[in-house]
PDB file of N, CA and C in Angstrom:
ATOM      1  N   MET A   1      13.337  -9.879   6.931  1.00  0.00           N
ATOM      2  CA  MET A   1      12.959  -9.900   5.540  1.00  0.00           C
ATOM      3  C   MET A   1      14.101  -9.294   4.735  1.00  0.00           C
ATOM      4  N   PRO A   2      14.670 -10.003   3.775  1.00  0.00           N
ATOM      5  CA  PRO A   2      15.802  -9.453   3.016  1.00  0.00           C
ATOM      6  C   PRO A   2      15.370  -8.357   2.050  1.00  0.00           C
ATOM      7  N   THR A   3      16.179  -7.321   1.978  1.00  0.00           N
ATOM      8  CA  THR A   3      15.945  -6.236   1.022  1.00  0.00           C
ATOM      9  C   THR A   3      16.546  -6.640  -0.310  1.00  0.00           C
ATOM     10  N   ILE A   4      15.732  -6.557  -1.382  1.00  0.00           N
ATOM     11  CA  ILE A   4      16.239  -6.927  -2.700  1.00  0.00           C
ATOM     12  C   ILE A   4      16.458  -5.716  -3.595  1.00  0.00           C
ATOM     13  N   SER A   5      15.893  -4.551  -3.219  1.00  0.00           N
ATOM     14  CA  SER A   5      16.103  -3.342  -4.017  1.00  0.00           C
ATOM     15  C   SER A   5      15.710  -2.114  -3.205  1.00  0.00           C
ATOM     16  N   GLN A   6      16.334  -0.978  -3.523  1.00  0.00           N
ATOM     17  CA  GLN A   6      15.977   0.317  -2.941  1.00  0.00           C
ATOM     18  C   GLN A   6      16.083   1.368  -4.027  1.00  0.00           C
ATOM     19  N   PHE A   7      15.039   2.211  -4.166  1.00  0.00           N
ATOM     20  CA  PHE A   7      15.063   3.286  -5.158  1.00  0.00           C
ATOM     21  C   PHE A   7      14.027   4.331  -4.786  1.00  0.00           C
ATOM     22  N   PHE A   8      14.347   5.599  -4.983  1.00  0.00           N
ATOM     23  CA  PHE A   8      13.445   6.722  -4.706  1.00  0.00           C
ATOM     24  C   PHE A   8      12.789   6.632  -3.332  1.00  0.00           C
ATOM     25  N   GLY A   9      13.502   6.113  -2.354  1.00  0.00           N
ATOM     26  CA  GLY A   9      12.967   5.989  -1.001  1.00  0.00           C
ATOM     27  C   GLY A   9      12.072   4.783  -0.791  1.00  0.00           C
ATOM     28  N   ILE A  10      11.878   3.962  -1.823  1.00  0.00           N
ATOM     29  CA  ILE A  10      11.057   2.753  -1.730  1.00  0.00           C
ATOM     30  C   ILE A  10      11.976   1.564  -1.479  1.00  0.00           C
ATOM     31  N   ILE A  11      11.596   0.716  -0.544  1.00  0.00           N
ATOM     32  CA  ILE A  11      12.359  -0.487  -0.222  1.00  0.00           C
ATOM     33  C   ILE A  11      11.536  -1.697  -0.641  1.00  0.00           C
ATOM     34  N   ILE A  12      12.134  -2.595  -1.407  1.00  0.00           N
ATOM     35  CA  ILE A  12      11.473  -3.821  -1.847  1.00  0.00           C
ATOM     36  C   ILE A  12      12.068  -4.978  -1.060  1.00  0.00           C
ATOM     37  N   GLN A  13      11.200  -5.718  -0.365  1.00  0.00           N
ATOM     38  CA  GLN A  13      11.647  -6.842   0.452  1.00  0.00           C
ATOM     39  C   GLN A  13      10.788  -8.066   0.146  1.00  0.00           C
ATOM     40  N   MET A  14      11.369  -9.243   0.386  1.00  0.00           N
ATOM     41  CA  MET A  14      10.638 -10.476   0.099  1.00  0.00           C
ATOM     42  C   MET A  14      11.005 -11.560   1.107  1.00  0.00           C
ATOM     43  N   PHE A  15       9.976 -12.222   1.625  1.00  0.00           N
ATOM     44  CA  PHE A  15      10.187 -13.442   2.400  1.00  0.00           C
ATOM     45  C   PHE A  15      10.320 -14.583   1.414  1.00  0.00           C
ATOM     46  N   TRP A  16      11.159 -15.534   1.693  1.00  0.00           N
ATOM     47  CA  TRP A  16      11.254 -16.670   0.782  1.00  0.00           C
ATOM     48  C   TRP A  16      10.355 -17.815   1.200  1.00  0.00           C
ATOM     49  N   ARG A  17       9.841 -17.785   2.414  1.00  0.00           N
ATOM     50  CA  ARG A  17       8.885 -18.807   2.876  1.00  0.00           C
ATOM     51  C   ARG A  17       7.695 -18.109   3.513  1.00  0.00           C
ATOM     52  N   GLU A  18       6.892 -17.492   2.738  1.00  0.00           N
ATOM     53  CA  GLU A  18       5.752 -16.766   3.277  1.00  0.00           C
ATOM     54  C   GLU A  18       4.459 -17.339   2.748  1.00  0.00           C
ATOM     55  N   HIS A  19       3.391 -16.957   3.367  1.00  0.00           N
ATOM     56  CA  HIS A  19       2.037 -17.380   3.046  1.00  0.00           C
ATOM     57  C   HIS A  19       1.561 -16.818   1.696  1.00  0.00           C
ATOM     58  N   ALA A  20       0.443 -17.307   1.256  1.00  0.00           N
ATOM     59  CA  ALA A  20      -0.302 -16.763   0.101  1.00  0.00           C
ATOM     60  C   ALA A  20       0.458 -16.869  -1.220  1.00  0.00           C
ATOM     61  N   ALA A  21      -0.043 -16.144  -2.190  1.00  0.00           N
ATOM     62  CA  ALA A  21       0.563 -16.135  -3.532  1.00  0.00           C
ATOM     63  C   ALA A  21       1.952 -15.498  -3.473  1.00  0.00           C
ATOM     64  N   PRO A  22       2.832 -15.837  -4.422  1.00  0.00           N
ATOM     65  CA  PRO A  22       4.161 -15.208  -4.445  1.00  0.00           C
ATOM     66  C   PRO A  22       4.019 -13.686  -4.542  1.00  0.00           C
ATOM     67  N   HIS A  23       4.651 -12.978  -3.613  1.00  0.00           N
ATOM     68  CA  HIS A  23       4.520 -11.519  -3.592  1.00  0.00           C
ATOM     69  C   HIS A  23       5.753 -10.891  -2.950  1.00  0.00           C
ATOM     70  N   PHE A  24       5.864  -9.572  -3.114  1.00  0.00           N
ATOM     71  CA  PHE A  24       6.912  -8.833  -2.420  1.00  0.00           C
ATOM     72  C   PHE A  24       6.276  -7.686  -1.661  1.00  0.00           C
ATOM     73  N   HIS A  25       7.037  -7.138  -0.732  1.00  0.00           N
ATOM     74  CA  HIS A  25       6.588  -6.015   0.084  1.00  0.00           C
ATOM     75  C   HIS A  25       7.307  -4.759  -0.404  1.00  0.00           C
ATOM     76  N   ALA A  26       6.552  -3.702  -0.623  1.00  0.00           N
ATOM     77  CA  ALA A  26       7.130  -2.405  -0.971  1.00  0.00           C
ATOM     78  C   ALA A  26       6.856  -1.463   0.194  1.00  0.00           C
ATOM     79  N   LEU A  27       7.914  -0.855   0.736  1.00  0.00           N
ATOM     80  CA  LEU A  27       7.773   0.046   1.870  1.00  0.00           C
ATOM     81  C   LEU A  27       8.210   1.447   1.461  1.00  0.00           C
ATOM     82  N   TYR A  28       7.423   2.437   1.872  1.00  0.00           N
ATOM     83  CA  TYR A  28       7.751   3.834   1.606  1.00  0.00           C
ATOM     84  C   TYR A  28       7.365   4.614   2.846  1.00  0.00           C
ATOM     85  N   GLY A  29       8.356   5.016   3.634  1.00  0.00           N
ATOM     86  CA  GLY A  29       8.071   5.649   4.921  1.00  0.00           C
ATOM     87  C   GLY A  29       7.348   4.669   5.820  1.00  0.00           C
ATOM     88  N   GLU A  30       6.222   5.084   6.381  1.00  0.00           N
ATOM     89  CA  GLU A  30       5.441   4.205   7.253  1.00  0.00           C
ATOM     90  C   GLU A  30       4.398   3.391   6.495  1.00  0.00           C
ATOM     91  N   HIS A  31       4.379   3.493   5.167  1.00  0.00           N
ATOM     92  CA  HIS A  31       3.401   2.790   4.338  1.00  0.00           C
ATOM     93  C   HIS A  31       3.991   1.487   3.793  1.00  0.00           C
ATOM     94  N   GLU A  32       3.112   0.489   3.594  1.00  0.00           N
ATOM     95  CA  GLU A  32       3.556  -0.798   3.064  1.00  0.00           C
ATOM     96  C   GLU A  32       2.480  -1.375   2.157  1.00  0.00           C
ATOM     97  N   ALA A  33       2.890  -1.930   1.030  1.00  0.00           N
ATOM     98  CA  ALA A  33       1.976  -2.614   0.123  1.00  0.00           C
ATOM     99  C   ALA A  33       2.536  -3.991  -0.188  1.00  0.00           C
ATOM    100  N   LEU A  34       1.650  -4.964  -0.349  1.00  0.00           N
ATOM    101  CA  LEU A  34       2.021  -6.302  -0.789  1.00  0.00           C
ATOM    102  C   LEU A  34       1.622  -6.408  -2.248  1.00  0.00           C
ATOM    103  N   ILE A  35       2.552  -6.818  -3.101  1.00  0.00           N
ATOM    104  CA  ILE A  35       2.334  -6.809  -4.541  1.00  0.00           C
ATOM    105  C   ILE A  35       2.556  -8.201  -5.108  1.00  0.00           C
ATOM    106  N   ASP A  36       1.550  -8.698  -5.847  1.00  0.00           N
ATOM    107  CA  ASP A  36       1.621 -10.012  -6.480  1.00  0.00           C
ATOM    108  C   ASP A  36       2.712  -9.996  -7.543  1.00  0.00           C
ATOM    109  N   ILE A  37       3.619 -10.949  -7.507  1.00  0.00           N
ATOM    110  CA  ILE A  37       4.737 -10.990  -8.452  1.00  0.00           C
ATOM    111  C   ILE A  37       4.259 -11.240  -9.878  1.00  0.00           C
ATOM    112  N   ARG A  38       3.246 -12.090 -10.030  1.00  0.00           N
ATOM    113  CA  ARG A  38       2.801 -12.457 -11.380  1.00  0.00           C
ATOM    114  C   ARG A  38       2.030 -11.346 -12.081  1.00  0.00           C
ATOM    115  N   THR A  39       1.167 -10.629 -11.338  1.00  0.00           N
ATOM    116  CA  THR A  39       0.287  -9.635 -11.963  1.00  0.00           C
ATOM    117  C   THR A  39       0.655  -8.190 -11.635  1.00  0.00           C
ATOM    118  N   LEU A  40       1.512  -8.000 -10.638  1.00  0.00           N
ATOM    119  CA  LEU A  40       1.881  -6.685 -10.096  1.00  0.00           C
ATOM    120  C   LEU A  40       0.682  -5.952  -9.492  1.00  0.00           C
ATOM    121  N   GLU A  41      -0.365  -6.708  -9.151  1.00  0.00           N
ATOM    122  CA  GLU A  41      -1.542  -6.153  -8.491  1.00  0.00           C
ATOM    123  C   GLU A  41      -1.248  -5.975  -7.007  1.00  0.00           C
ATOM    124  N   VAL A  42      -1.703  -4.867  -6.420  1.00  0.00           N
ATOM    125  CA  VAL A  42      -1.574  -4.654  -4.977  1.00  0.00           C
ATOM    126  C   VAL A  42      -2.587  -5.569  -4.299  1.00  0.00           C
ATOM    127  N   ILE A  43      -2.098  -6.489  -3.474  1.00  0.00           N
ATOM    128  CA  ILE A  43      -2.978  -7.457  -2.815  1.00  0.00           C
ATOM    129  C   ILE A  43      -3.159  -7.150  -1.327  1.00  0.00           C
ATOM    130  N   GLY A  44      -2.516  -6.109  -0.854  1.00  0.00           N
ATOM    131  CA  GLY A  44      -2.660  -5.713   0.534  1.00  0.00           C
ATOM    132  C   GLY A  44      -1.961  -4.399   0.792  1.00  0.00           C
ATOM    133  N   GLY A  45      -2.505  -3.612   1.719  1.00  0.00           N
ATOM    134  CA  GLY A  45      -1.891  -2.343   2.087  1.00  0.00           C
ATOM    135  C   GLY A  45      -1.953  -1.330   0.957  1.00  0.00           C
ATOM    136  N   SER A  46      -1.143  -0.297   1.086  1.00  0.00           N
ATOM    137  CA  SER A  46      -1.077   0.743   0.052  1.00  0.00           C
ATOM    138  C   SER A  46       0.175   1.597   0.285  1.00  0.00           C
ATOM    139  N   LEU A  47       0.566   2.302  -0.756  1.00  0.00           N
ATOM    140  CA  LEU A  47       1.670   3.245  -0.660  1.00  0.00           C
ATOM    141  C   LEU A  47       1.126   4.641  -0.911  1.00  0.00           C
ATOM    142  N   ARG A  48       1.672   5.592  -0.218  1.00  0.00           N
ATOM    143  CA  ARG A  48       1.300   6.989  -0.417  1.00  0.00           C
ATOM    144  C   ARG A  48       1.828   7.454  -1.751  1.00  0.00           C
ATOM    145  N   ASN A  49       1.096   8.287  -2.446  1.00  0.00           N
ATOM    146  CA  ASN A  49       1.530   8.849  -3.719  1.00  0.00           C
ATOM    147  C   ASN A  49       2.608   9.894  -3.471  1.00  0.00           C
ATOM    148  N   ALA A  50       3.805   9.665  -3.954  1.00  0.00           N
ATOM    149  CA  ALA A  50       4.920  10.584  -3.716  1.00  0.00           C
ATOM    150  C   ALA A  50       4.639  11.966  -4.291  1.00  0.00           C
ATOM    151  N   ARG A  51       3.820  12.057  -5.330  1.00  0.00           N
ATOM    152  CA  ARG A  51       3.497  13.359  -5.939  1.00  0.00           C
ATOM    153  C   ARG A  51       2.504  14.158  -5.110  1.00  0.00           C
ATOM    154  N   SER A  52       1.892  13.535  -4.098  1.00  0.00           N
ATOM    155  CA  SER A  52       0.879  14.237  -3.308  1.00  0.00           C
ATOM    156  C   SER A  52       1.483  15.107  -2.213  1.00  0.00           C
ATOM    157  N   THR A  53       2.805  15.120  -2.068  1.00  0.00           N
ATOM    158  CA  THR A  53       3.437  15.913  -1.008  1.00  0.00           C
ATOM    159  C   THR A  53       3.668  17.325  -1.455  1.00  0.00           C
TER     160      THR A  53
END
């Protein structure tokens, strides 16, 4: 999966031929969320709140 951005320890990656609605993957440590490109709604997984540490 190609990385398209990295910031504050978050990695944004996207498959160009993947299933479902257009989305990207956001990874933070061992956590991963799938985010709809059109609405920015989390459609799968979750990310830990960085402020909770």
